[in-house]
Each structure stands twice: as structure tokens, then as C-alpha cells.
Amino acid sequence: MGVLENKARARTFYKYLSKVYDEINPFIWNEEMRAEAIELLDIEPDDRVLDIGCGTGFATEGLLERVEQVYGLDQSPHQLEKAYAKFGKRDGPVTFHLGDAERLPFKEDTFDVVWSSGSIEYWPNPVAALRECRRVAKPGSQVLIVGPNYPNSGLFQKLADTIMLFYDAEEADRMFREAGFTDFEHVTMGPSYNPEIAITTVAQVPE
């Protein structure tokens, strides 16, 4: 387990990263990638969409171009403070929750789309969190997860393993199957300097 696959360490990490997150993020996860991922989904304006690990609201902004309301959840109060400044803490287009991906504070069959980008790499138990995604998603709906693709270089692989979760398509297959998904596909994407930096999985929730 990587050093940041620990909830307390991850919260501390984001306490400081939140100050510069919006400036750094475009070098790794940019608007073009966000738009490409959103296009993989069937989204209607009145859909209930959950953004797990919403952070400062980068993905939320893109989702709000397609839907009227987004539910955003993050375990970092410092990241959420940045998101509040963008969308308002209450009575805005985003309903925020401070919470844990492995224990989502929502009832079964609540959401039409469950989205998470740049969060799975910090989940100590990603399969448990993916089961939670399936639980709160409506039957027949979609779950989209964006995570860091496993590096090709042996040196970078060793470094990646010490920091947080990086995974390839084979490992994604295992995680999604163990979480109860049977219908899913993976797409790699990234900025021009590394077009396969991220692995995006779209899974259909069993009916």
C-alpha cells in the first residue's frame, strides 16, 4: 500500500495541496480529458450525479455543463473549502458532503451517474469503495472511475507503488469484477506529453 493510501495522510497531503491544486491539476487532468470522459457517459439534464472525491470541483464544473445538480463528496475539508468558494456552500448547484468513498452516506439506488476522477488512487480498499459506488447507483446506470495508469518503466513502477495506487487494465478488471460489475470497459487518456497517463473505466450497474 502506498504512503497516500491512508486516509489521515491523504487529508494532511490535501491540506497543503489544496492551496495550489487548481494551478497544478491542468498538467495532469485537464479540460480536454474531462470532456473526453464525460462523453463516455449517457447523461440527461435531470440526472442525479454523484462526484466522489470532488476536491475543489474541477470535474464538478464539467458535469454541471450537462446536468442541473451535482452531489459532491470529499474527505478533505480543505479541498471542499475551495469548492464552496466556487459553487456556494448551500443552496447552489452542488450539494456537498464531507465523507468517505468506502462508506458513502447515501441510500441504495440513488444516482443515475456515479463519477470519480483522481480519487481511487487514495482509497485504501478500492474494491470496497467500488461496491459502494454500485450500491448507491441505480440499476442500469453508469459508474465512471478515472485513476492513474500503471507506468511502463520499471523505475517509475517502483516509485508509483510507494506513493499510491497505480493500476493497469488487468488490475482494473479484477477490482471491478470483485466489486460485482460484469459489464465495463477501459479507456486510456492524457495530455499530449503522456496520452496514457490515466485509465478511465465506465461500468454498467447490473439491473
N, C-alpha and C. Protein backbone atom coordinates (compact mmCIF):
# COMPACT_ATOMS: atom_id res chain seq x y z
N MET A 1 0.84 -1.19 0.00
CA MET A 1 0.00 0.00 0.00
C MET A 1 0.88 1.25 0.00
N GLY A 2 0.58 2.20 -0.88
CA GLY A 2 1.35 3.43 -0.97
C GLY A 2 1.13 4.34 0.23
N VAL A 3 2.07 5.25 0.42
CA VAL A 3 2.02 6.11 1.60
C VAL A 3 0.75 6.97 1.66
N LEU A 4 0.19 7.32 0.50
CA LEU A 4 -1.01 8.15 0.48
C LEU A 4 -2.30 7.35 0.46
N GLU A 5 -2.20 6.00 0.45
CA GLU A 5 -3.39 5.17 0.58
C GLU A 5 -3.71 4.99 2.07
N ASN A 6 -3.72 6.09 2.72
CA ASN A 6 -4.01 6.17 4.15
C ASN A 6 -4.81 7.45 4.33
N LYS A 7 -5.98 7.34 4.92
CA LYS A 7 -6.91 8.46 4.93
C LYS A 7 -6.36 9.67 5.68
N ALA A 8 -5.70 9.44 6.81
CA ALA A 8 -5.16 10.55 7.58
C ALA A 8 -4.04 11.25 6.81
N ARG A 9 -3.14 10.45 6.19
CA ARG A 9 -2.06 11.05 5.42
C ARG A 9 -2.60 11.80 4.21
N ALA A 10 -3.60 11.22 3.56
CA ALA A 10 -4.18 11.88 2.39
C ALA A 10 -4.82 13.21 2.77
N ARG A 11 -5.50 13.25 3.92
CA ARG A 11 -6.11 14.52 4.36
C ARG A 11 -5.03 15.57 4.63
N THR A 12 -3.94 15.16 5.26
CA THR A 12 -2.84 16.09 5.51
C THR A 12 -2.22 16.56 4.20
N PHE A 13 -2.03 15.63 3.27
CA PHE A 13 -1.48 15.96 1.96
C PHE A 13 -2.33 17.02 1.27
N TYR A 14 -3.64 16.84 1.28
CA TYR A 14 -4.52 17.78 0.60
C TYR A 14 -4.72 19.07 1.37
N LYS A 15 -4.43 19.07 2.64
CA LYS A 15 -4.47 20.31 3.42
C LYS A 15 -3.54 21.34 2.79
N TYR A 16 -2.38 20.88 2.33
CA TYR A 16 -1.40 21.77 1.72
C TYR A 16 -1.56 21.87 0.21
N LEU A 17 -1.88 20.73 -0.43
CA LEU A 17 -2.03 20.75 -1.88
C LEU A 17 -3.22 21.61 -2.31
N SER A 18 -4.25 21.69 -1.46
CA SER A 18 -5.44 22.46 -1.84
C SER A 18 -5.12 23.91 -2.17
N LYS A 19 -4.03 24.44 -1.59
CA LYS A 19 -3.66 25.83 -1.83
C LYS A 19 -3.25 26.07 -3.28
N VAL A 20 -2.70 25.04 -3.93
CA VAL A 20 -2.22 25.22 -5.30
C VAL A 20 -2.83 24.19 -6.26
N TYR A 21 -3.81 23.44 -5.80
CA TYR A 21 -4.35 22.32 -6.58
C TYR A 21 -4.84 22.77 -7.96
N ASP A 22 -5.59 23.86 -8.02
CA ASP A 22 -6.17 24.29 -9.29
C ASP A 22 -5.11 24.75 -10.28
N GLU A 23 -3.93 25.15 -9.80
CA GLU A 23 -2.85 25.54 -10.70
C GLU A 23 -2.08 24.32 -11.22
N ILE A 24 -1.95 23.30 -10.37
CA ILE A 24 -1.19 22.10 -10.75
C ILE A 24 -2.02 21.12 -11.56
N ASN A 25 -3.28 20.99 -11.22
CA ASN A 25 -4.14 19.96 -11.79
C ASN A 25 -4.15 19.92 -13.32
N PRO A 26 -4.19 21.07 -14.03
CA PRO A 26 -4.28 21.01 -15.50
C PRO A 26 -3.12 20.29 -16.19
N PHE A 27 -1.98 20.14 -15.50
CA PHE A 27 -0.85 19.44 -16.11
C PHE A 27 -1.06 17.92 -16.10
N ILE A 28 -2.02 17.46 -15.29
CA ILE A 28 -2.26 16.02 -15.16
C ILE A 28 -3.66 15.64 -15.62
N TRP A 29 -4.63 16.46 -15.27
CA TRP A 29 -6.05 16.16 -15.56
C TRP A 29 -6.66 17.46 -16.05
N ASN A 30 -6.78 17.61 -17.37
CA ASN A 30 -7.16 18.89 -17.95
C ASN A 30 -8.59 18.88 -18.50
N GLU A 31 -9.02 20.01 -19.03
CA GLU A 31 -10.39 20.14 -19.51
C GLU A 31 -10.69 19.21 -20.67
N GLU A 32 -9.70 19.00 -21.55
CA GLU A 32 -9.92 18.10 -22.68
C GLU A 32 -10.16 16.67 -22.21
N MET A 33 -9.37 16.23 -21.23
CA MET A 33 -9.55 14.88 -20.67
C MET A 33 -10.91 14.77 -19.99
N ARG A 34 -11.27 15.80 -19.24
CA ARG A 34 -12.56 15.81 -18.56
C ARG A 34 -13.71 15.70 -19.57
N ALA A 35 -13.63 16.48 -20.64
CA ALA A 35 -14.68 16.43 -21.66
C ALA A 35 -14.73 15.07 -22.34
N GLU A 36 -13.55 14.49 -22.60
CA GLU A 36 -13.50 13.16 -23.22
C GLU A 36 -14.16 12.12 -22.32
N ALA A 37 -13.90 12.21 -21.02
CA ALA A 37 -14.51 11.26 -20.09
C ALA A 37 -16.02 11.45 -20.01
N ILE A 38 -16.47 12.68 -19.96
CA ILE A 38 -17.91 12.95 -19.87
C ILE A 38 -18.63 12.42 -21.09
N GLU A 39 -17.98 12.49 -22.26
CA GLU A 39 -18.61 11.99 -23.49
C GLU A 39 -18.81 10.48 -23.47
N LEU A 40 -18.15 9.79 -22.57
CA LEU A 40 -18.33 8.33 -22.47
C LEU A 40 -19.64 7.98 -21.76
N LEU A 41 -20.29 8.97 -21.18
CA LEU A 41 -21.50 8.74 -20.38
C LEU A 41 -22.76 9.15 -21.12
N ASP A 42 -23.85 8.51 -20.75
CA ASP A 42 -25.18 8.93 -21.21
C ASP A 42 -25.79 9.77 -20.09
N ILE A 43 -25.74 11.08 -20.23
CA ILE A 43 -26.20 11.98 -19.17
C ILE A 43 -27.36 12.82 -19.67
N GLU A 44 -28.41 12.89 -18.87
CA GLU A 44 -29.55 13.75 -19.14
C GLU A 44 -29.54 14.92 -18.15
N PRO A 45 -30.10 16.06 -18.52
CA PRO A 45 -30.05 17.25 -17.65
C PRO A 45 -30.61 17.04 -16.24
N ASP A 46 -31.60 16.17 -16.10
CA ASP A 46 -32.21 15.98 -14.79
C ASP A 46 -31.65 14.78 -14.03
N ASP A 47 -30.55 14.20 -14.51
CA ASP A 47 -29.93 13.07 -13.82
C ASP A 47 -29.36 13.50 -12.48
N ARG A 48 -29.41 12.58 -11.51
CA ARG A 48 -28.74 12.78 -10.23
C ARG A 48 -27.33 12.22 -10.35
N VAL A 49 -26.34 13.09 -10.20
CA VAL A 49 -24.94 12.71 -10.42
C VAL A 49 -24.16 12.89 -9.13
N LEU A 50 -23.40 11.87 -8.76
CA LEU A 50 -22.53 11.93 -7.60
C LEU A 50 -21.08 12.01 -8.06
N ASP A 51 -20.35 13.00 -7.54
CA ASP A 51 -18.93 13.18 -7.82
C ASP A 51 -18.15 12.83 -6.56
N ILE A 52 -17.57 11.62 -6.53
CA ILE A 52 -16.83 11.14 -5.37
C ILE A 52 -15.39 11.61 -5.45
N GLY A 53 -14.91 12.23 -4.38
CA GLY A 53 -13.59 12.83 -4.40
C GLY A 53 -13.60 14.09 -5.25
N CYS A 54 -14.63 14.90 -5.04
CA CYS A 54 -14.85 16.07 -5.90
C CYS A 54 -13.75 17.12 -5.75
N GLY A 55 -13.02 17.10 -4.63
CA GLY A 55 -11.93 18.05 -4.45
C GLY A 55 -12.40 19.49 -4.55
N THR A 56 -11.69 20.27 -5.32
CA THR A 56 -12.03 21.69 -5.47
C THR A 56 -13.14 21.91 -6.50
N GLY A 57 -13.59 20.84 -7.14
CA GLY A 57 -14.74 20.94 -8.04
C GLY A 57 -14.40 21.01 -9.51
N PHE A 58 -13.22 20.53 -9.91
CA PHE A 58 -12.85 20.60 -11.32
C PHE A 58 -13.76 19.74 -12.18
N ALA A 59 -13.94 18.48 -11.81
CA ALA A 59 -14.85 17.62 -12.58
C ALA A 59 -16.28 18.10 -12.43
N THR A 60 -16.63 18.61 -11.25
CA THR A 60 -17.98 19.09 -11.00
C THR A 60 -18.36 20.18 -12.00
N GLU A 61 -17.41 21.07 -12.28
CA GLU A 61 -17.68 22.15 -13.24
C GLU A 61 -18.07 21.58 -14.60
N GLY A 62 -17.34 20.57 -15.05
CA GLY A 62 -17.66 19.96 -16.34
C GLY A 62 -19.00 19.25 -16.32
N LEU A 63 -19.29 18.55 -15.23
CA LEU A 63 -20.57 17.84 -15.12
C LEU A 63 -21.74 18.81 -15.12
N LEU A 64 -21.55 19.98 -14.52
CA LEU A 64 -22.63 20.97 -14.46
C LEU A 64 -22.94 21.58 -15.83
N GLU A 65 -22.10 21.34 -16.80
CA GLU A 65 -22.43 21.75 -18.17
C GLU A 65 -23.46 20.82 -18.80
N ARG A 66 -23.67 19.66 -18.16
CA ARG A 66 -24.59 18.67 -18.70
C ARG A 66 -25.80 18.42 -17.81
N VAL A 67 -25.67 18.69 -16.51
CA VAL A 67 -26.77 18.43 -15.57
C VAL A 67 -27.00 19.66 -14.71
N GLU A 68 -28.15 19.70 -14.07
CA GLU A 68 -28.53 20.86 -13.27
C GLU A 68 -28.01 20.79 -11.84
N GLN A 69 -27.79 19.59 -11.33
CA GLN A 69 -27.41 19.41 -9.93
C GLN A 69 -26.39 18.29 -9.81
N VAL A 70 -25.36 18.53 -9.00
CA VAL A 70 -24.34 17.51 -8.72
C VAL A 70 -24.20 17.38 -7.21
N TYR A 71 -24.01 16.15 -6.77
CA TYR A 71 -23.71 15.88 -5.36
C TYR A 71 -22.21 15.62 -5.27
N GLY A 72 -21.51 16.44 -4.51
CA GLY A 72 -20.06 16.32 -4.39
C GLY A 72 -19.65 15.81 -3.02
N LEU A 73 -18.76 14.82 -2.99
CA LEU A 73 -18.29 14.26 -1.73
C LEU A 73 -16.77 14.23 -1.72
N ASP A 74 -16.18 14.63 -0.59
CA ASP A 74 -14.74 14.56 -0.44
C ASP A 74 -14.41 14.39 1.03
N GLN A 75 -13.27 13.75 1.30
CA GLN A 75 -12.86 13.55 2.69
C GLN A 75 -11.99 14.70 3.20
N SER A 76 -11.61 15.62 2.31
CA SER A 76 -10.73 16.72 2.70
C SER A 76 -11.53 18.01 2.90
N PRO A 77 -11.62 18.50 4.14
CA PRO A 77 -12.32 19.78 4.35
C PRO A 77 -11.63 20.94 3.66
N HIS A 78 -10.33 20.84 3.47
CA HIS A 78 -9.60 21.94 2.82
C HIS A 78 -9.92 22.01 1.33
N GLN A 79 -10.03 20.85 0.69
CA GLN A 79 -10.45 20.83 -0.72
C GLN A 79 -11.89 21.34 -0.86
N LEU A 80 -12.75 20.93 0.05
CA LEU A 80 -14.14 21.37 -0.02
C LEU A 80 -14.28 22.87 0.18
N GLU A 81 -13.44 23.46 1.02
CA GLU A 81 -13.50 24.91 1.21
C GLU A 81 -13.27 25.63 -0.12
N LYS A 82 -12.36 25.11 -0.93
CA LYS A 82 -12.12 25.68 -2.25
C LYS A 82 -13.34 25.52 -3.15
N ALA A 83 -13.98 24.37 -3.04
CA ALA A 83 -15.18 24.12 -3.85
C ALA A 83 -16.33 25.03 -3.41
N TYR A 84 -16.47 25.25 -2.09
CA TYR A 84 -17.52 26.15 -1.59
C TYR A 84 -17.36 27.53 -2.21
N ALA A 85 -16.12 27.98 -2.34
CA ALA A 85 -15.86 29.31 -2.87
C ALA A 85 -16.32 29.43 -4.32
N LYS A 86 -16.31 28.31 -5.05
CA LYS A 86 -16.73 28.32 -6.45
C LYS A 86 -18.24 28.23 -6.60
N PHE A 87 -18.85 27.35 -5.83
CA PHE A 87 -20.25 26.99 -6.05
C PHE A 87 -21.20 27.44 -4.94
N GLY A 88 -20.66 27.91 -3.83
CA GLY A 88 -21.50 28.20 -2.68
C GLY A 88 -21.63 26.95 -1.82
N LYS A 89 -21.65 27.17 -0.52
CA LYS A 89 -21.72 26.02 0.39
C LYS A 89 -23.12 25.44 0.47
N ARG A 90 -24.11 26.29 0.34
CA ARG A 90 -25.51 25.84 0.42
C ARG A 90 -26.33 26.53 -0.66
N ASP A 91 -27.42 25.89 -1.05
CA ASP A 91 -28.38 26.47 -2.00
C ASP A 91 -27.76 26.78 -3.36
N GLY A 92 -26.72 26.07 -3.72
CA GLY A 92 -26.14 26.23 -5.04
C GLY A 92 -26.41 25.00 -5.89
N PRO A 93 -25.74 24.89 -7.05
CA PRO A 93 -25.95 23.74 -7.93
C PRO A 93 -25.29 22.46 -7.43
N VAL A 94 -24.47 22.57 -6.36
CA VAL A 94 -23.78 21.40 -5.81
C VAL A 94 -24.19 21.21 -4.36
N THR A 95 -24.58 19.98 -4.04
CA THR A 95 -24.84 19.60 -2.65
C THR A 95 -23.61 18.87 -2.14
N PHE A 96 -22.94 19.45 -1.16
CA PHE A 96 -21.66 18.91 -0.70
C PHE A 96 -21.81 18.01 0.51
N HIS A 97 -20.93 17.00 0.56
CA HIS A 97 -20.86 16.10 1.70
C HIS A 97 -19.41 15.85 2.04
N LEU A 98 -19.06 15.97 3.32
CA LEU A 98 -17.76 15.55 3.80
C LEU A 98 -17.88 14.07 4.14
N GLY A 99 -17.15 13.23 3.44
CA GLY A 99 -17.37 11.80 3.65
C GLY A 99 -16.32 10.93 3.00
N ASP A 100 -16.54 9.63 3.12
CA ASP A 100 -15.58 8.59 2.79
C ASP A 100 -16.12 7.74 1.65
N ALA A 101 -15.29 7.51 0.64
CA ALA A 101 -15.73 6.71 -0.51
C ALA A 101 -16.10 5.29 -0.13
N GLU A 102 -15.51 4.79 0.95
CA GLU A 102 -15.79 3.41 1.36
C GLU A 102 -17.04 3.29 2.22
N ARG A 103 -17.61 4.44 2.61
CA ARG A 103 -18.86 4.45 3.40
C ARG A 103 -19.71 5.62 2.93
N LEU A 104 -20.25 5.51 1.76
CA LEU A 104 -21.00 6.62 1.18
C LEU A 104 -22.29 6.88 1.96
N PRO A 105 -22.56 8.14 2.29
CA PRO A 105 -23.72 8.48 3.12
C PRO A 105 -25.01 8.64 2.31
N PHE A 106 -25.29 7.66 1.45
CA PHE A 106 -26.47 7.73 0.59
C PHE A 106 -27.17 6.37 0.56
N LYS A 107 -28.46 6.41 0.27
CA LYS A 107 -29.25 5.19 0.19
C LYS A 107 -28.96 4.44 -1.11
N GLU A 108 -29.36 3.20 -1.14
CA GLU A 108 -29.22 2.39 -2.35
C GLU A 108 -30.03 2.99 -3.50
N ASP A 109 -29.52 2.77 -4.72
CA ASP A 109 -30.26 3.13 -5.95
C ASP A 109 -30.63 4.61 -5.98
N THR A 110 -29.68 5.48 -5.65
CA THR A 110 -29.96 6.92 -5.55
C THR A 110 -29.57 7.69 -6.81
N PHE A 111 -28.48 7.29 -7.48
CA PHE A 111 -27.90 8.13 -8.52
C PHE A 111 -27.98 7.51 -9.91
N ASP A 112 -28.14 8.40 -10.90
CA ASP A 112 -28.16 7.99 -12.30
C ASP A 112 -26.75 7.83 -12.86
N VAL A 113 -25.81 8.59 -12.31
CA VAL A 113 -24.40 8.51 -12.69
C VAL A 113 -23.57 8.65 -11.42
N VAL A 114 -22.58 7.78 -11.26
CA VAL A 114 -21.59 7.93 -10.19
C VAL A 114 -20.24 8.15 -10.87
N TRP A 115 -19.61 9.26 -10.53
CA TRP A 115 -18.36 9.67 -11.15
C TRP A 115 -17.29 9.82 -10.08
N SER A 116 -16.07 9.43 -10.42
CA SER A 116 -14.93 9.72 -9.54
C SER A 116 -13.68 9.84 -10.38
N SER A 117 -13.03 10.99 -10.32
CA SER A 117 -11.79 11.20 -11.08
C SER A 117 -10.70 11.69 -10.13
N GLY A 118 -9.56 10.99 -10.17
CA GLY A 118 -8.43 11.39 -9.34
C GLY A 118 -8.64 11.12 -7.87
N SER A 119 -9.39 10.07 -7.55
CA SER A 119 -9.65 9.76 -6.14
C SER A 119 -9.32 8.32 -5.79
N ILE A 120 -9.56 7.39 -6.70
CA ILE A 120 -9.39 5.96 -6.40
C ILE A 120 -7.97 5.66 -5.92
N GLU A 121 -7.00 6.44 -6.39
CA GLU A 121 -5.62 6.15 -6.01
C GLU A 121 -5.34 6.35 -4.52
N TYR A 122 -6.26 7.02 -3.82
CA TYR A 122 -6.10 7.26 -2.38
C TYR A 122 -6.97 6.33 -1.54
N TRP A 123 -7.76 5.46 -2.18
CA TRP A 123 -8.66 4.59 -1.43
C TRP A 123 -7.89 3.39 -0.88
N PRO A 124 -7.84 3.21 0.43
CA PRO A 124 -7.15 2.04 1.00
C PRO A 124 -7.74 0.72 0.53
N ASN A 125 -9.06 0.70 0.32
CA ASN A 125 -9.72 -0.51 -0.14
C ASN A 125 -10.59 -0.16 -1.35
N PRO A 126 -9.98 -0.11 -2.54
CA PRO A 126 -10.73 0.33 -3.72
C PRO A 126 -11.91 -0.57 -4.07
N VAL A 127 -11.80 -1.87 -3.82
CA VAL A 127 -12.91 -2.77 -4.13
C VAL A 127 -14.12 -2.44 -3.25
N ALA A 128 -13.88 -2.17 -1.97
CA ALA A 128 -14.98 -1.80 -1.08
C ALA A 128 -15.64 -0.51 -1.55
N ALA A 129 -14.84 0.46 -2.00
CA ALA A 129 -15.41 1.72 -2.48
C ALA A 129 -16.18 1.51 -3.78
N LEU A 130 -15.67 0.66 -4.66
CA LEU A 130 -16.40 0.37 -5.90
C LEU A 130 -17.73 -0.33 -5.60
N ARG A 131 -17.75 -1.18 -4.58
CA ARG A 131 -19.03 -1.79 -4.18
C ARG A 131 -20.00 -0.72 -3.70
N GLU A 132 -19.48 0.28 -3.01
CA GLU A 132 -20.32 1.38 -2.56
C GLU A 132 -20.85 2.18 -3.76
N CYS A 133 -20.01 2.37 -4.75
CA CYS A 133 -20.47 3.05 -5.97
C CYS A 133 -21.64 2.29 -6.60
N ARG A 134 -21.49 0.97 -6.66
CA ARG A 134 -22.56 0.14 -7.25
C ARG A 134 -23.81 0.20 -6.38
N ARG A 135 -23.64 0.22 -5.08
CA ARG A 135 -24.79 0.23 -4.17
C ARG A 135 -25.64 1.49 -4.33
N VAL A 136 -25.00 2.65 -4.45
CA VAL A 136 -25.76 3.90 -4.49
C VAL A 136 -26.22 4.26 -5.89
N ALA A 137 -25.73 3.53 -6.90
CA ALA A 137 -26.16 3.78 -8.28
C ALA A 137 -27.42 2.99 -8.61
N LYS A 138 -28.27 3.58 -9.41
CA LYS A 138 -29.50 2.90 -9.82
C LYS A 138 -29.18 1.73 -10.76
N PRO A 139 -29.98 0.67 -10.74
CA PRO A 139 -29.79 -0.42 -11.70
C PRO A 139 -29.82 0.11 -13.13
N GLY A 140 -28.87 -0.32 -13.93
CA GLY A 140 -28.79 0.12 -15.32
C GLY A 140 -28.06 1.43 -15.53
N SER A 141 -27.63 2.07 -14.44
CA SER A 141 -26.93 3.34 -14.56
C SER A 141 -25.44 3.11 -14.80
N GLN A 142 -24.68 4.19 -14.82
CA GLN A 142 -23.26 4.10 -15.14
C GLN A 142 -22.39 4.59 -13.98
N VAL A 143 -21.25 3.93 -13.82
CA VAL A 143 -20.22 4.36 -12.88
C VAL A 143 -18.96 4.61 -13.68
N LEU A 144 -18.38 5.81 -13.54
CA LEU A 144 -17.15 6.15 -14.24
C LEU A 144 -16.06 6.46 -13.23
N ILE A 145 -14.93 5.80 -13.38
CA ILE A 145 -13.79 5.98 -12.48
C ILE A 145 -12.55 6.31 -13.30
N VAL A 146 -11.89 7.41 -12.95
CA VAL A 146 -10.62 7.78 -13.58
C VAL A 146 -9.52 7.62 -12.54
N GLY A 147 -8.49 6.85 -12.89
CA GLY A 147 -7.35 6.66 -12.00
C GLY A 147 -6.05 6.70 -12.77
N PRO A 148 -4.92 6.66 -12.06
CA PRO A 148 -3.62 6.73 -12.72
C PRO A 148 -3.21 5.40 -13.32
N ASN A 149 -2.88 5.43 -14.59
CA ASN A 149 -2.44 4.23 -15.30
C ASN A 149 -1.05 3.81 -14.81
N TYR A 150 -0.83 2.50 -14.73
CA TYR A 150 0.44 1.98 -14.22
C TYR A 150 1.57 2.32 -15.20
N PRO A 151 2.67 2.89 -14.73
CA PRO A 151 3.77 3.27 -15.64
C PRO A 151 4.39 2.06 -16.33
N ASN A 152 4.98 2.31 -17.48
CA ASN A 152 5.67 1.24 -18.22
C ASN A 152 7.09 1.02 -17.70
N SER A 153 7.72 2.06 -17.22
CA SER A 153 9.10 1.98 -16.76
C SER A 153 9.19 1.29 -15.40
N GLY A 154 10.14 0.37 -15.27
CA GLY A 154 10.33 -0.33 -14.01
C GLY A 154 10.66 0.61 -12.86
N LEU A 155 11.48 1.64 -13.13
CA LEU A 155 11.84 2.61 -12.10
C LEU A 155 10.61 3.37 -11.62
N PHE A 156 9.81 3.84 -12.57
CA PHE A 156 8.61 4.58 -12.20
C PHE A 156 7.56 3.67 -11.54
N GLN A 157 7.55 2.40 -11.91
CA GLN A 157 6.65 1.46 -11.25
C GLN A 157 6.96 1.34 -9.78
N LYS A 158 8.26 1.22 -9.45
CA LYS A 158 8.66 1.11 -8.05
C LYS A 158 8.30 2.38 -7.28
N LEU A 159 8.52 3.53 -7.91
CA LEU A 159 8.18 4.79 -7.27
C LEU A 159 6.68 4.90 -7.07
N ALA A 160 5.92 4.54 -8.09
CA ALA A 160 4.46 4.62 -8.01
C ALA A 160 3.92 3.75 -6.89
N ASP A 161 4.46 2.55 -6.75
CA ASP A 161 3.98 1.61 -5.74
C ASP A 161 4.18 2.13 -4.32
N THR A 162 5.17 3.00 -4.13
CA THR A 162 5.42 3.52 -2.79
C THR A 162 4.53 4.71 -2.45
N ILE A 163 3.90 5.31 -3.46
CA ILE A 163 3.14 6.54 -3.21
C ILE A 163 1.65 6.27 -3.04
N MET A 164 1.03 5.65 -4.04
CA MET A 164 -0.41 5.44 -4.03
C MET A 164 -0.75 4.38 -5.06
N LEU A 165 -2.02 4.15 -5.28
CA LEU A 165 -2.46 3.11 -6.20
C LEU A 165 -2.32 3.56 -7.65
N PHE A 166 -1.52 2.83 -8.40
CA PHE A 166 -1.49 2.92 -9.86
C PHE A 166 -1.90 1.53 -10.35
N TYR A 167 -2.64 1.46 -11.45
CA TYR A 167 -3.10 0.15 -11.90
C TYR A 167 -3.29 0.12 -13.41
N ASP A 168 -3.20 -1.08 -13.97
CA ASP A 168 -3.39 -1.27 -15.40
C ASP A 168 -4.77 -1.87 -15.66
N ALA A 169 -5.05 -2.16 -16.93
CA ALA A 169 -6.37 -2.68 -17.29
C ALA A 169 -6.66 -4.03 -16.64
N GLU A 170 -5.63 -4.87 -16.51
CA GLU A 170 -5.84 -6.18 -15.89
C GLU A 170 -6.24 -6.04 -14.42
N GLU A 171 -5.57 -5.14 -13.72
CA GLU A 171 -5.91 -4.91 -12.32
C GLU A 171 -7.29 -4.24 -12.19
N ALA A 172 -7.61 -3.36 -13.13
CA ALA A 172 -8.94 -2.76 -13.14
C ALA A 172 -10.02 -3.82 -13.34
N ASP A 173 -9.76 -4.76 -14.24
CA ASP A 173 -10.69 -5.87 -14.44
C ASP A 173 -10.96 -6.58 -13.12
N ARG A 174 -9.88 -6.90 -12.41
CA ARG A 174 -10.03 -7.63 -11.14
C ARG A 174 -10.86 -6.84 -10.14
N MET A 175 -10.54 -5.55 -9.98
CA MET A 175 -11.23 -4.74 -8.98
C MET A 175 -12.72 -4.61 -9.30
N PHE A 176 -13.03 -4.34 -10.55
CA PHE A 176 -14.43 -4.15 -10.91
C PHE A 176 -15.22 -5.46 -10.82
N ARG A 177 -14.59 -6.57 -11.18
CA ARG A 177 -15.29 -7.85 -11.06
C ARG A 177 -15.54 -8.18 -9.59
N GLU A 178 -14.54 -7.97 -8.74
CA GLU A 178 -14.71 -8.25 -7.32
C GLU A 178 -15.77 -7.35 -6.70
N ALA A 179 -15.95 -6.17 -7.27
CA ALA A 179 -16.97 -5.25 -6.77
C ALA A 179 -18.37 -5.57 -7.28
N GLY A 180 -18.48 -6.57 -8.16
CA GLY A 180 -19.79 -7.01 -8.63
C GLY A 180 -20.20 -6.50 -9.99
N PHE A 181 -19.28 -5.85 -10.71
CA PHE A 181 -19.58 -5.39 -12.06
C PHE A 181 -19.21 -6.47 -13.07
N THR A 182 -20.02 -6.60 -14.09
CA THR A 182 -19.75 -7.58 -15.15
C THR A 182 -19.60 -6.94 -16.52
N ASP A 183 -20.10 -5.72 -16.66
CA ASP A 183 -20.10 -5.03 -17.96
C ASP A 183 -19.34 -3.72 -17.80
N PHE A 184 -18.10 -3.66 -18.31
CA PHE A 184 -17.31 -2.44 -18.18
C PHE A 184 -16.25 -2.41 -19.27
N GLU A 185 -15.72 -1.22 -19.53
CA GLU A 185 -14.63 -1.06 -20.49
C GLU A 185 -13.69 0.03 -20.01
N HIS A 186 -12.42 -0.08 -20.45
CA HIS A 186 -11.39 0.85 -20.04
C HIS A 186 -10.90 1.66 -21.24
N VAL A 187 -10.61 2.92 -20.99
CA VAL A 187 -10.05 3.82 -22.00
C VAL A 187 -8.89 4.57 -21.37
N THR A 188 -7.76 4.65 -22.07
CA THR A 188 -6.65 5.46 -21.57
C THR A 188 -6.73 6.85 -22.18
N MET A 189 -6.30 7.83 -21.42
CA MET A 189 -6.33 9.21 -21.87
C MET A 189 -5.26 10.00 -21.14
N GLY A 190 -4.96 11.19 -21.66
CA GLY A 190 -3.96 12.02 -21.01
C GLY A 190 -3.61 13.22 -21.85
N PRO A 191 -2.80 14.12 -21.29
CA PRO A 191 -2.33 15.28 -22.06
C PRO A 191 -1.38 14.84 -23.16
N SER A 192 -1.02 15.77 -24.04
CA SER A 192 -0.22 15.42 -25.21
C SER A 192 1.13 14.82 -24.84
N TYR A 193 1.71 15.24 -23.73
CA TYR A 193 3.03 14.72 -23.38
C TYR A 193 2.98 13.30 -22.82
N ASN A 194 1.79 12.84 -22.40
CA ASN A 194 1.63 11.47 -21.89
C ASN A 194 0.17 11.05 -22.09
N PRO A 195 -0.19 10.64 -23.31
CA PRO A 195 -1.60 10.38 -23.64
C PRO A 195 -2.21 9.16 -22.97
N GLU A 196 -1.42 8.40 -22.20
CA GLU A 196 -1.97 7.24 -21.50
C GLU A 196 -1.74 7.35 -19.99
N ILE A 197 -1.67 8.56 -19.48
CA ILE A 197 -1.38 8.77 -18.06
C ILE A 197 -2.53 8.32 -17.17
N ALA A 198 -3.75 8.34 -17.71
CA ALA A 198 -4.93 7.98 -16.92
C ALA A 198 -5.65 6.80 -17.54
N ILE A 199 -6.28 6.01 -16.69
CA ILE A 199 -7.13 4.92 -17.15
C ILE A 199 -8.55 5.20 -16.66
N THR A 200 -9.47 5.25 -17.60
CA THR A 200 -10.87 5.56 -17.30
C THR A 200 -11.72 4.33 -17.55
N THR A 201 -12.49 3.96 -16.56
CA THR A 201 -13.37 2.80 -16.67
C THR A 201 -14.82 3.26 -16.57
N VAL A 202 -15.63 2.82 -17.51
CA VAL A 202 -17.07 3.04 -17.46
C VAL A 202 -17.72 1.68 -17.25
N ALA A 203 -18.46 1.57 -16.16
CA ALA A 203 -19.10 0.30 -15.80
C ALA A 203 -20.61 0.48 -15.77
N GLN A 204 -21.31 -0.53 -16.28
CA GLN A 204 -22.76 -0.54 -16.23
C GLN A 204 -23.19 -1.25 -14.94
N VAL A 205 -24.11 -0.63 -14.21
CA VAL A 205 -24.61 -1.22 -12.99
C VAL A 205 -25.59 -2.32 -13.34
N PRO A 206 -25.42 -3.52 -12.81
CA PRO A 206 -26.34 -4.61 -13.14
C PRO A 206 -27.79 -4.27 -12.80
N GLU A 207 -28.70 -4.71 -13.66
CA GLU A 207 -30.13 -4.44 -13.42
C GLU A 207 -30.75 -5.58 -12.63
